[in-house]
Amino acid sequence: MASTMEKSINWSLAAVAFISVVMYAFLPLGIFGNNLDFQHFLLPKVIVAFIVAIVSGKLYMGYAKLRKISPEVIYFGLVTTLGITGLLTYVILDLALKLFGLE
């Protein structure tokens, strides 16, 4: 039977992986389609992207600290997770608003 720490590692890793895979799937629609809109709902999209990036970063830090990864790798992964997750969240929100006809 898996310990609590192993379950936590698996859950954190699965959550970060799921968020990343879903966002990467929608990335080409927003960036390569020249569809990004920086005029409507800018502040709410940025706030939601920031919140999702922070949650993803906390999940990554929990996973990395339990695995006892070196600090250089932890901080590189954290910066990458925050940046990519924030950008991809913004793209997905922008596409969702367009699909629902709110922009």
PDB file of N, CA and C in Angstrom:
ATOM      1  N   MET A   1       0.849  -1.178   0.000  1.00  0.00           N
ATOM      2  CA  MET A   1       0.000   0.000   0.000  1.00  0.00           C
ATOM      3  C   MET A   1       0.896   1.243   0.000  1.00  0.00           C
ATOM      4  N   ALA A   2       0.532   2.229  -0.787  1.00  0.00           N
ATOM      5  CA  ALA A   2       1.335   3.438  -0.930  1.00  0.00           C
ATOM      6  C   ALA A   2       1.191   4.332   0.293  1.00  0.00           C
ATOM      7  N   SER A   3       2.293   4.971   0.644  1.00  0.00           N
ATOM      8  CA  SER A   3       2.260   5.884   1.782  1.00  0.00           C
ATOM      9  C   SER A   3       1.582   7.194   1.379  1.00  0.00           C
ATOM     10  N   THR A   4       1.318   8.032   2.375  1.00  0.00           N
ATOM     11  CA  THR A   4       0.677   9.324   2.110  1.00  0.00           C
ATOM     12  C   THR A   4       1.561  10.195   1.235  1.00  0.00           C
ATOM     13  N   MET A   5       2.869  10.146   1.458  1.00  0.00           N
ATOM     14  CA  MET A   5       3.785  10.954   0.670  1.00  0.00           C
ATOM     15  C   MET A   5       3.768  10.514  -0.797  1.00  0.00           C
ATOM     16  N   GLU A   6       3.740   9.216  -1.051  1.00  0.00           N
ATOM     17  CA  GLU A   6       3.701   8.737  -2.425  1.00  0.00           C
ATOM     18  C   GLU A   6       2.401   9.127  -3.113  1.00  0.00           C
ATOM     19  N   LYS A   7       1.296   9.085  -2.393  1.00  0.00           N
ATOM     20  CA  LYS A   7       0.020   9.503  -2.974  1.00  0.00           C
ATOM     21  C   LYS A   7       0.049  10.989  -3.307  1.00  0.00           C
ATOM     22  N   SER A   8       0.656  11.787  -2.437  1.00  0.00           N
ATOM     23  CA  SER A   8       0.757  13.222  -2.666  1.00  0.00           C
ATOM     24  C   SER A   8       1.603  13.509  -3.899  1.00  0.00           C
ATOM     25  N   ILE A   9       2.697  12.789  -4.044  1.00  0.00           N
ATOM     26  CA  ILE A   9       3.556  12.984  -5.210  1.00  0.00           C
ATOM     27  C   ILE A   9       2.790  12.643  -6.479  1.00  0.00           C
ATOM     28  N   ASN A  10       2.108  11.533  -6.479  1.00  0.00           N
ATOM     29  CA  ASN A  10       1.365  11.117  -7.661  1.00  0.00           C
ATOM     30  C   ASN A  10       0.263  12.111  -8.006  1.00  0.00           C
ATOM     31  N   TRP A  11      -0.453  12.627  -6.999  1.00  0.00           N
ATOM     32  CA  TRP A  11      -1.525  13.574  -7.248  1.00  0.00           C
ATOM     33  C   TRP A  11      -0.973  14.881  -7.798  1.00  0.00           C
ATOM     34  N   SER A  12       0.098  15.397  -7.206  1.00  0.00           N
ATOM     35  CA  SER A  12       0.687  16.656  -7.667  1.00  0.00           C
ATOM     36  C   SER A  12       1.191  16.527  -9.094  1.00  0.00           C
ATOM     37  N   LEU A  13       1.895  15.453  -9.362  1.00  0.00           N
ATOM     38  CA  LEU A  13       2.432  15.250 -10.700  1.00  0.00           C
ATOM     39  C   LEU A  13       1.305  15.090 -11.716  1.00  0.00           C
ATOM     40  N   ALA A  14       0.280  14.357 -11.366  1.00  0.00           N
ATOM     41  CA  ALA A  14      -0.851  14.163 -12.279  1.00  0.00           C
ATOM     42  C   ALA A  14      -1.568  15.483 -12.550  1.00  0.00           C
ATOM     43  N   ALA A  15      -1.733  16.318 -11.528  1.00  0.00           N
ATOM     44  CA  ALA A  15      -2.422  17.602 -11.705  1.00  0.00           C
ATOM     45  C   ALA A  15      -1.635  18.521 -12.629  1.00  0.00           C
ATOM     46  N   VAL A  16      -0.328  18.641 -12.401  1.00  0.00           N
ATOM     47  CA  VAL A  16       0.499  19.500 -13.247  1.00  0.00           C
ATOM     48  C   VAL A  16       0.533  18.964 -14.677  1.00  0.00           C
ATOM     49  N   ALA A  17       0.645  17.656 -14.832  1.00  0.00           N
ATOM     50  CA  ALA A  17       0.679  17.060 -16.171  1.00  0.00           C
ATOM     51  C   ALA A  17      -0.645  17.287 -16.905  1.00  0.00           C
ATOM     52  N   PHE A  18      -1.762  17.128 -16.207  1.00  0.00           N
ATOM     53  CA  PHE A  18      -3.067  17.332 -16.841  1.00  0.00           C
ATOM     54  C   PHE A  18      -3.234  18.779 -17.286  1.00  0.00           C
ATOM     55  N   ILE A  19      -2.887  19.719 -16.417  1.00  0.00           N
ATOM     56  CA  ILE A  19      -2.991  21.139 -16.765  1.00  0.00           C
ATOM     57  C   ILE A  19      -2.132  21.442 -17.992  1.00  0.00           C
ATOM     58  N   SER A  20      -0.914  20.941 -18.007  1.00  0.00           N
ATOM     59  CA  SER A  20      -0.002  21.219 -19.114  1.00  0.00           C
ATOM     60  C   SER A  20      -0.487  20.619 -20.428  1.00  0.00           C
ATOM     61  N   VAL A  21      -0.933  19.377 -20.394  1.00  0.00           N
ATOM     62  CA  VAL A  21      -1.379  18.715 -21.626  1.00  0.00           C
ATOM     63  C   VAL A  21      -2.601  19.412 -22.211  1.00  0.00           C
ATOM     64  N   VAL A  22      -3.551  19.767 -21.380  1.00  0.00           N
ATOM     65  CA  VAL A  22      -4.749  20.448 -21.875  1.00  0.00           C
ATOM     66  C   VAL A  22      -4.379  21.791 -22.486  1.00  0.00           C
ATOM     67  N   MET A  23      -3.499  22.520 -21.839  1.00  0.00           N
ATOM     68  CA  MET A  23      -3.136  23.838 -22.343  1.00  0.00           C
ATOM     69  C   MET A  23      -2.315  23.756 -23.624  1.00  0.00           C
ATOM     70  N   TYR A  24      -1.379  22.830 -23.700  1.00  0.00           N
ATOM     71  CA  TYR A  24      -0.586  22.696 -24.920  1.00  0.00           C
ATOM     72  C   TYR A  24      -1.448  22.291 -26.108  1.00  0.00           C
ATOM     73  N   ALA A  25      -2.521  21.587 -25.862  1.00  0.00           N
ATOM     74  CA  ALA A  25      -3.408  21.184 -26.949  1.00  0.00           C
ATOM     75  C   ALA A  25      -4.084  22.393 -27.593  1.00  0.00           C
ATOM     76  N   PHE A  26      -4.355  23.435 -26.807  1.00  0.00           N
ATOM     77  CA  PHE A  26      -5.045  24.614 -27.326  1.00  0.00           C
ATOM     78  C   PHE A  26      -4.102  25.738 -27.751  1.00  0.00           C
ATOM     79  N   LEU A  27      -2.823  25.596 -27.499  1.00  0.00           N
ATOM     80  CA  LEU A  27      -1.874  26.660 -27.806  1.00  0.00           C
ATOM     81  C   LEU A  27      -1.865  27.065 -29.281  1.00  0.00           C
ATOM     82  N   PRO A  28      -1.816  26.138 -30.227  1.00  0.00           N
ATOM     83  CA  PRO A  28      -1.773  26.567 -31.641  1.00  0.00           C
ATOM     84  C   PRO A  28      -2.998  27.359 -32.077  1.00  0.00           C
ATOM     85  N   LEU A  29      -4.144  27.081 -31.503  1.00  0.00           N
ATOM     86  CA  LEU A  29      -5.355  27.811 -31.891  1.00  0.00           C
ATOM     87  C   LEU A  29      -5.244  29.290 -31.566  1.00  0.00           C
ATOM     88  N   GLY A  30      -4.638  29.625 -30.448  1.00  0.00           N
ATOM     89  CA  GLY A  30      -4.564  31.018 -30.033  1.00  0.00           C
ATOM     90  C   GLY A  30      -3.398  31.773 -30.625  1.00  0.00           C
ATOM     91  N   ILE A  31      -2.217  31.179 -30.601  1.00  0.00           N
ATOM     92  CA  ILE A  31      -1.030  31.913 -31.018  1.00  0.00           C
ATOM     93  C   ILE A  31      -0.875  31.913 -32.532  1.00  0.00           C
ATOM     94  N   PHE A  32      -1.014  30.757 -33.159  1.00  0.00           N
ATOM     95  CA  PHE A  32      -0.791  30.686 -34.594  1.00  0.00           C
ATOM     96  C   PHE A  32      -2.001  31.132 -35.393  1.00  0.00           C
ATOM     97  N   GLY A  33      -3.146  31.246 -34.748  1.00  0.00           N
ATOM     98  CA  GLY A  33      -4.342  31.695 -35.441  1.00  0.00           C
ATOM     99  C   GLY A  33      -4.499  33.202 -35.441  1.00  0.00           C
ATOM    100  N   ASN A  34      -3.557  33.940 -34.851  1.00  0.00           N
ATOM    101  CA  ASN A  34      -3.631  35.400 -34.742  1.00  0.00           C
ATOM    102  C   ASN A  34      -4.961  35.841 -34.150  1.00  0.00           C
ATOM    103  N   ASN A  35      -5.416  35.126 -33.157  1.00  0.00           N
ATOM    104  CA  ASN A  35      -6.718  35.406 -32.563  1.00  0.00           C
ATOM    105  C   ASN A  35      -6.645  36.073 -31.199  1.00  0.00           C
ATOM    106  N   LEU A  36      -5.466  36.288 -30.665  1.00  0.00           N
ATOM    107  CA  LEU A  36      -5.378  36.826 -29.311  1.00  0.00           C
ATOM    108  C   LEU A  36      -5.916  38.252 -29.255  1.00  0.00           C
ATOM    109  N   ASP A  37      -6.706  38.521 -28.233  1.00  0.00           N
ATOM    110  CA  ASP A  37      -7.342  39.820 -28.056  1.00  0.00           C
ATOM    111  C   ASP A  37      -6.839  40.429 -26.754  1.00  0.00           C
ATOM    112  N   PHE A  38      -6.196  41.593 -26.861  1.00  0.00           N
ATOM    113  CA  PHE A  38      -5.673  42.260 -25.672  1.00  0.00           C
ATOM    114  C   PHE A  38      -6.512  43.476 -25.284  1.00  0.00           C
ATOM    115  N   GLN A  39      -7.732  43.582 -25.822  1.00  0.00           N
ATOM    116  CA  GLN A  39      -8.568  44.735 -25.532  1.00  0.00           C
ATOM    117  C   GLN A  39      -9.716  44.417 -24.589  1.00  0.00           C
ATOM    118  N   HIS A  40     -10.362  43.290 -24.760  1.00  0.00           N
ATOM    119  CA  HIS A  40     -11.547  42.965 -23.974  1.00  0.00           C
ATOM    120  C   HIS A  40     -11.190  42.020 -22.833  1.00  0.00           C
ATOM    121  N   PHE A  41     -11.708  42.311 -21.653  1.00  0.00           N
ATOM    122  CA  PHE A  41     -11.537  41.459 -20.469  1.00  0.00           C
ATOM    123  C   PHE A  41     -10.069  41.196 -20.145  1.00  0.00           C
ATOM    124  N   LEU A  42      -9.209  42.174 -20.340  1.00  0.00           N
ATOM    125  CA  LEU A  42      -7.781  41.958 -20.117  1.00  0.00           C
ATOM    126  C   LEU A  42      -7.474  41.665 -18.652  1.00  0.00           C
ATOM    127  N   LEU A  43      -7.986  42.479 -17.739  1.00  0.00           N
ATOM    128  CA  LEU A  43      -7.675  42.285 -16.321  1.00  0.00           C
ATOM    129  C   LEU A  43      -8.197  40.955 -15.777  1.00  0.00           C
ATOM    130  N   PRO A  44      -9.445  40.562 -16.040  1.00  0.00           N
ATOM    131  CA  PRO A  44      -9.891  39.250 -15.535  1.00  0.00           C
ATOM    132  C   PRO A  44      -9.088  38.081 -16.099  1.00  0.00           C
ATOM    133  N   LYS A  45      -8.719  38.151 -17.374  1.00  0.00           N
ATOM    134  CA  LYS A  45      -7.932  37.063 -17.963  1.00  0.00           C
ATOM    135  C   LYS A  45      -6.557  36.983 -17.316  1.00  0.00           C
ATOM    136  N   VAL A  46      -5.940  38.130 -17.067  1.00  0.00           N
ATOM    137  CA  VAL A  46      -4.616  38.138 -16.439  1.00  0.00           C
ATOM    138  C   VAL A  46      -4.703  37.634 -15.002  1.00  0.00           C
ATOM    139  N   ILE A  47      -5.740  38.024 -14.274  1.00  0.00           N
ATOM    140  CA  ILE A  47      -5.897  37.574 -12.884  1.00  0.00           C
ATOM    141  C   ILE A  47      -6.101  36.063 -12.821  1.00  0.00           C
ATOM    142  N   VAL A  48      -6.963  35.527 -13.669  1.00  0.00           N
ATOM    143  CA  VAL A  48      -7.191  34.074 -13.672  1.00  0.00           C
ATOM    144  C   VAL A  48      -5.921  33.339 -14.089  1.00  0.00           C
ATOM    145  N   ALA A  49      -5.206  33.854 -15.087  1.00  0.00           N
ATOM    146  CA  ALA A  49      -3.954  33.224 -15.514  1.00  0.00           C
ATOM    147  C   ALA A  49      -2.933  33.238 -14.383  1.00  0.00           C
ATOM    148  N   PHE A  50      -2.877  34.331 -13.631  1.00  0.00           N
ATOM    149  CA  PHE A  50      -1.957  34.429 -12.497  1.00  0.00           C
ATOM    150  C   PHE A  50      -2.314  33.405 -11.419  1.00  0.00           C
ATOM    151  N   ILE A  51      -3.593  33.275 -11.115  1.00  0.00           N
ATOM    152  CA  ILE A  51      -4.028  32.326 -10.081  1.00  0.00           C
ATOM    153  C   ILE A  51      -3.713  30.889 -10.498  1.00  0.00           C
ATOM    154  N   VAL A  52      -4.005  30.541 -11.745  1.00  0.00           N
ATOM    155  CA  VAL A  52      -3.718  29.184 -12.223  1.00  0.00           C
ATOM    156  C   VAL A  52      -2.213  28.921 -12.212  1.00  0.00           C
ATOM    157  N   ALA A  53      -1.413  29.918 -12.585  1.00  0.00           N
ATOM    158  CA  ALA A  53       0.041  29.750 -12.568  1.00  0.00           C
ATOM    159  C   ALA A  53       0.549  29.536 -11.146  1.00  0.00           C
ATOM    160  N   ILE A  54       0.016  30.273 -10.184  1.00  0.00           N
ATOM    161  CA  ILE A  54       0.442  30.110  -8.789  1.00  0.00           C
ATOM    162  C   ILE A  54       0.066  28.728  -8.264  1.00  0.00           C
ATOM    163  N   VAL A  55      -1.142  28.271  -8.563  1.00  0.00           N
ATOM    164  CA  VAL A  55      -1.566  26.933  -8.112  1.00  0.00           C
ATOM    165  C   VAL A  55      -0.683  25.860  -8.739  1.00  0.00           C
ATOM    166  N   SER A  56      -0.417  25.986 -10.024  1.00  0.00           N
ATOM    167  CA  SER A  56       0.445  25.018 -10.699  1.00  0.00           C
ATOM    168  C   SER A  56       1.861  25.060 -10.121  1.00  0.00           C
ATOM    169  N   GLY A  57       2.345  26.249  -9.818  1.00  0.00           N
ATOM    170  CA  GLY A  57       3.668  26.383  -9.207  1.00  0.00           C
ATOM    171  C   GLY A  57       3.738  25.750  -7.832  1.00  0.00           C
ATOM    172  N   LYS A  58       2.689  25.914  -7.038  1.00  0.00           N
ATOM    173  CA  LYS A  58       2.658  25.287  -5.709  1.00  0.00           C
ATOM    174  C   LYS A  58       2.647  23.765  -5.823  1.00  0.00           C
ATOM    175  N   LEU A  59       1.891  23.237  -6.776  1.00  0.00           N
ATOM    176  CA  LEU A  59       1.880  21.790  -6.991  1.00  0.00           C
ATOM    177  C   LEU A  59       3.259  21.293  -7.416  1.00  0.00           C
ATOM    178  N   TYR A  60       3.912  22.038  -8.304  1.00  0.00           N
ATOM    179  CA  TYR A  60       5.251  21.655  -8.750  1.00  0.00           C
ATOM    180  C   TYR A  60       6.242  21.694  -7.595  1.00  0.00           C
ATOM    181  N   MET A  61       6.175  22.743  -6.772  1.00  0.00           N
ATOM    182  CA  MET A  61       7.109  22.849  -5.640  1.00  0.00           C
ATOM    183  C   MET A  61       6.903  21.705  -4.653  1.00  0.00           C
ATOM    184  N   GLY A  62       5.652  21.337  -4.412  1.00  0.00           N
ATOM    185  CA  GLY A  62       5.386  20.204  -3.529  1.00  0.00           C
ATOM    186  C   GLY A  62       5.990  18.923  -4.067  1.00  0.00           C
ATOM    187  N   TYR A  63       5.850  18.708  -5.355  1.00  0.00           N
ATOM    188  CA  TYR A  63       6.422  17.518  -5.986  1.00  0.00           C
ATOM    189  C   TYR A  63       7.949  17.555  -5.936  1.00  0.00           C
ATOM    190  N   ALA A  64       8.532  18.705  -6.280  1.00  0.00           N
ATOM    191  CA  ALA A  64       9.989  18.808  -6.357  1.00  0.00           C
ATOM    192  C   ALA A  64      10.636  18.668  -4.982  1.00  0.00           C
ATOM    193  N   LYS A  65      10.033  19.234  -3.956  1.00  0.00           N
ATOM    194  CA  LYS A  65      10.622  19.142  -2.615  1.00  0.00           C
ATOM    195  C   LYS A  65      10.558  17.723  -2.068  1.00  0.00           C
ATOM    196  N   LEU A  66       9.488  17.004  -2.373  1.00  0.00           N
ATOM    197  CA  LEU A  66       9.400  15.624  -1.913  1.00  0.00           C
ATOM    198  C   LEU A  66      10.395  14.725  -2.644  1.00  0.00           C
ATOM    199  N   ARG A  67      10.721  15.073  -3.865  1.00  0.00           N
ATOM    200  CA  ARG A  67      11.693  14.292  -4.639  1.00  0.00           C
ATOM    201  C   ARG A  67      13.130  14.683  -4.327  1.00  0.00           C
ATOM    202  N   LYS A  68      13.316  15.767  -3.575  1.00  0.00           N
ATOM    203  CA  LYS A  68      14.638  16.265  -3.196  1.00  0.00           C
ATOM    204  C   LYS A  68      15.526  16.536  -4.423  1.00  0.00           C
ATOM    205  N   ILE A  69      14.968  17.288  -5.342  1.00  0.00           N
ATOM    206  CA  ILE A  69      15.688  17.687  -6.551  1.00  0.00           C
ATOM    207  C   ILE A  69      16.619  18.844  -6.188  1.00  0.00           C
ATOM    208  N   SER A  70      17.710  19.012  -6.927  1.00  0.00           N
ATOM    209  CA  SER A  70      18.652  20.096  -6.637  1.00  0.00           C
ATOM    210  C   SER A  70      17.968  21.454  -6.831  1.00  0.00           C
ATOM    211  N   PRO A  71      18.414  22.467  -6.082  1.00  0.00           N
ATOM    212  CA  PRO A  71      17.755  23.786  -6.142  1.00  0.00           C
ATOM    213  C   PRO A  71      17.745  24.413  -7.537  1.00  0.00           C
ATOM    214  N   GLU A  72      18.812  24.215  -8.310  1.00  0.00           N
ATOM    215  CA  GLU A  72      18.847  24.803  -9.650  1.00  0.00           C
ATOM    216  C   GLU A  72      17.726  24.243 -10.516  1.00  0.00           C
ATOM    217  N   VAL A  73      17.527  22.952 -10.427  1.00  0.00           N
ATOM    218  CA  VAL A  73      16.481  22.307 -11.220  1.00  0.00           C
ATOM    219  C   VAL A  73      15.102  22.732 -10.719  1.00  0.00           C
ATOM    220  N   ILE A  74      14.953  22.833  -9.399  1.00  0.00           N
ATOM    221  CA  ILE A  74      13.667  23.243  -8.826  1.00  0.00           C
ATOM    222  C   ILE A  74      13.277  24.629  -9.329  1.00  0.00           C
ATOM    223  N   TYR A  75      14.196  25.588  -9.262  1.00  0.00           N
ATOM    224  CA  TYR A  75      13.846  26.954  -9.628  1.00  0.00           C
ATOM    225  C   TYR A  75      13.689  27.129 -11.136  1.00  0.00           C
ATOM    226  N   PHE A  76      14.466  26.403 -11.924  1.00  0.00           N
ATOM    227  CA  PHE A  76      14.261  26.444 -13.374  1.00  0.00           C
ATOM    228  C   PHE A  76      12.882  25.889 -13.727  1.00  0.00           C
ATOM    229  N   GLY A  77      12.534  24.775 -13.122  1.00  0.00           N
ATOM    230  CA  GLY A  77      11.221  24.185 -13.359  1.00  0.00           C
ATOM    231  C   GLY A  77      10.097  25.079 -12.876  1.00  0.00           C
ATOM    232  N   LEU A  78      10.313  25.763 -11.750  1.00  0.00           N
ATOM    233  CA  LEU A  78       9.288  26.663 -11.218  1.00  0.00           C
ATOM    234  C   LEU A  78       9.051  27.845 -12.153  1.00  0.00           C
ATOM    235  N   VAL A  79      10.123  28.459 -12.620  1.00  0.00           N
ATOM    236  CA  VAL A  79       9.980  29.594 -13.534  1.00  0.00           C
ATOM    237  C   VAL A  79       9.308  29.152 -14.832  1.00  0.00           C
ATOM    238  N   THR A  80       9.703  28.000 -15.336  1.00  0.00           N
ATOM    239  CA  THR A  80       9.087  27.477 -16.553  1.00  0.00           C
ATOM    240  C   THR A  80       7.608  27.188 -16.332  1.00  0.00           C
ATOM    241  N   THR A  81       7.281  26.562 -15.208  1.00  0.00           N
ATOM    242  CA  THR A  81       5.889  26.237 -14.903  1.00  0.00           C
ATOM    243  C   THR A  81       5.046  27.499 -14.780  1.00  0.00           C
ATOM    244  N   LEU A  82       5.546  28.496 -14.064  1.00  0.00           N
ATOM    245  CA  LEU A  82       4.789  29.737 -13.892  1.00  0.00           C
ATOM    246  C   LEU A  82       4.565  30.448 -15.224  1.00  0.00           C
ATOM    247  N   GLY A  83       5.616  30.571 -16.013  1.00  0.00           N
ATOM    248  CA  GLY A  83       5.507  31.299 -17.275  1.00  0.00           C
ATOM    249  C   GLY A  83       4.621  30.614 -18.288  1.00  0.00           C
ATOM    250  N   ILE A  84       4.875  29.352 -18.517  1.00  0.00           N
ATOM    251  CA  ILE A  84       4.112  28.619 -19.530  1.00  0.00           C
ATOM    252  C   ILE A  84       2.658  28.461 -19.106  1.00  0.00           C
ATOM    253  N   THR A  85       2.425  28.120 -17.843  1.00  0.00           N
ATOM    254  CA  THR A  85       1.049  27.935 -17.384  1.00  0.00           C
ATOM    255  C   THR A  85       0.269  29.244 -17.456  1.00  0.00           C
ATOM    256  N   GLY A  86       0.888  30.350 -17.078  1.00  0.00           N
ATOM    257  CA  GLY A  86       0.214  31.640 -17.171  1.00  0.00           C
ATOM    258  C   GLY A  86      -0.121  32.016 -18.603  1.00  0.00           C
ATOM    259  N   LEU A  87       0.838  31.837 -19.498  1.00  0.00           N
ATOM    260  CA  LEU A  87       0.609  32.159 -20.909  1.00  0.00           C
ATOM    261  C   LEU A  87      -0.483  31.283 -21.504  1.00  0.00           C
ATOM    262  N   LEU A  88      -0.399  29.997 -21.249  1.00  0.00           N
ATOM    263  CA  LEU A  88      -1.377  29.086 -21.833  1.00  0.00           C
ATOM    264  C   LEU A  88      -2.769  29.296 -21.246  1.00  0.00           C
ATOM    265  N   THR A  89      -2.855  29.658 -19.976  1.00  0.00           N
ATOM    266  CA  THR A  89      -4.158  29.949 -19.382  1.00  0.00           C
ATOM    267  C   THR A  89      -4.782  31.168 -20.051  1.00  0.00           C
ATOM    268  N   TYR A  90      -3.975  32.187 -20.295  1.00  0.00           N
ATOM    269  CA  TYR A  90      -4.480  33.382 -20.971  1.00  0.00           C
ATOM    270  C   TYR A  90      -5.018  33.028 -22.357  1.00  0.00           C
ATOM    271  N   VAL A  91      -4.271  32.209 -23.093  1.00  0.00           N
ATOM    272  CA  VAL A  91      -4.693  31.817 -24.444  1.00  0.00           C
ATOM    273  C   VAL A  91      -6.004  31.045 -24.393  1.00  0.00           C
ATOM    274  N   ILE A  92      -6.115  30.109 -23.458  1.00  0.00           N
ATOM    275  CA  ILE A  92      -7.337  29.303 -23.359  1.00  0.00           C
ATOM    276  C   ILE A  92      -8.532  30.166 -22.966  1.00  0.00           C
ATOM    277  N   LEU A  93      -8.347  31.081 -22.034  1.00  0.00           N
ATOM    278  CA  LEU A  93      -9.450  31.968 -21.649  1.00  0.00           C
ATOM    279  C   LEU A  93      -9.889  32.832 -22.825  1.00  0.00           C
ATOM    280  N   ASP A  94      -8.928  33.333 -23.575  1.00  0.00           N
ATOM    281  CA  ASP A  94      -9.254  34.158 -24.727  1.00  0.00           C
ATOM    282  C   ASP A  94     -10.044  33.360 -25.761  1.00  0.00           C
ATOM    283  N   LEU A  95      -9.608  32.140 -26.021  1.00  0.00           N
ATOM    284  CA  LEU A  95     -10.331  31.293 -26.979  1.00  0.00           C
ATOM    285  C   LEU A  95     -11.718  30.919 -26.473  1.00  0.00           C
ATOM    286  N   ALA A  96     -11.835  30.631 -25.186  1.00  0.00           N
ATOM    287  CA  ALA A  96     -13.139  30.261 -24.622  1.00  0.00           C
ATOM    288  C   ALA A  96     -14.123  31.424 -24.725  1.00  0.00           C
ATOM    289  N   LEU A  97     -13.663  32.633 -24.436  1.00  0.00           N
ATOM    290  CA  LEU A  97     -14.544  33.796 -24.552  1.00  0.00           C
ATOM    291  C   LEU A  97     -14.999  34.007 -25.995  1.00  0.00           C
ATOM    292  N   LYS A  98     -14.101  33.761 -26.944  1.00  0.00           N
ATOM    293  CA  LYS A  98     -14.483  33.901 -28.352  1.00  0.00           C
ATOM    294  C   LYS A  98     -15.471  32.819 -28.763  1.00  0.00           C
ATOM    295  N   LEU A  99     -15.253  31.604 -28.302  1.00  0.00           N
ATOM    296  CA  LEU A  99     -16.163  30.509 -28.658  1.00  0.00           C
ATOM    297  C   LEU A  99     -17.567  30.735 -28.110  1.00  0.00           C
ATOM    298  N   PHE A 100     -17.653  31.333 -26.915  1.00  0.00           N
ATOM    299  CA  PHE A 100     -18.958  31.593 -26.315  1.00  0.00           C
ATOM    300  C   PHE A 100     -19.550  32.926 -26.765  1.00  0.00           C
ATOM    301  N   GLY A 101     -18.841  33.652 -27.623  1.00  0.00           N
ATOM    302  CA  GLY A 101     -19.364  34.890 -28.184  1.00  0.00           C
ATOM    303  C   GLY A 101     -19.350  36.072 -27.236  1.00  0.00           C
ATOM    304  N   LEU A 102     -18.466  36.069 -26.252  1.00  0.00           N
ATOM    305  CA  LEU A 102     -18.412  37.172 -25.293  1.00  0.00           C
ATOM    306  C   LEU A 102     -17.417  38.255 -25.695  1.00  0.00           C
ATOM    307  N   GLU A 103     -16.648  38.039 -26.729  1.00  0.00           N
ATOM    308  CA  GLU A 103     -15.704  39.060 -27.197  1.00  0.00           C
ATOM    309  C   GLU A 103     -16.049  39.490 -28.590  1.00  0.00           C
TER     310      GLU A 103
END
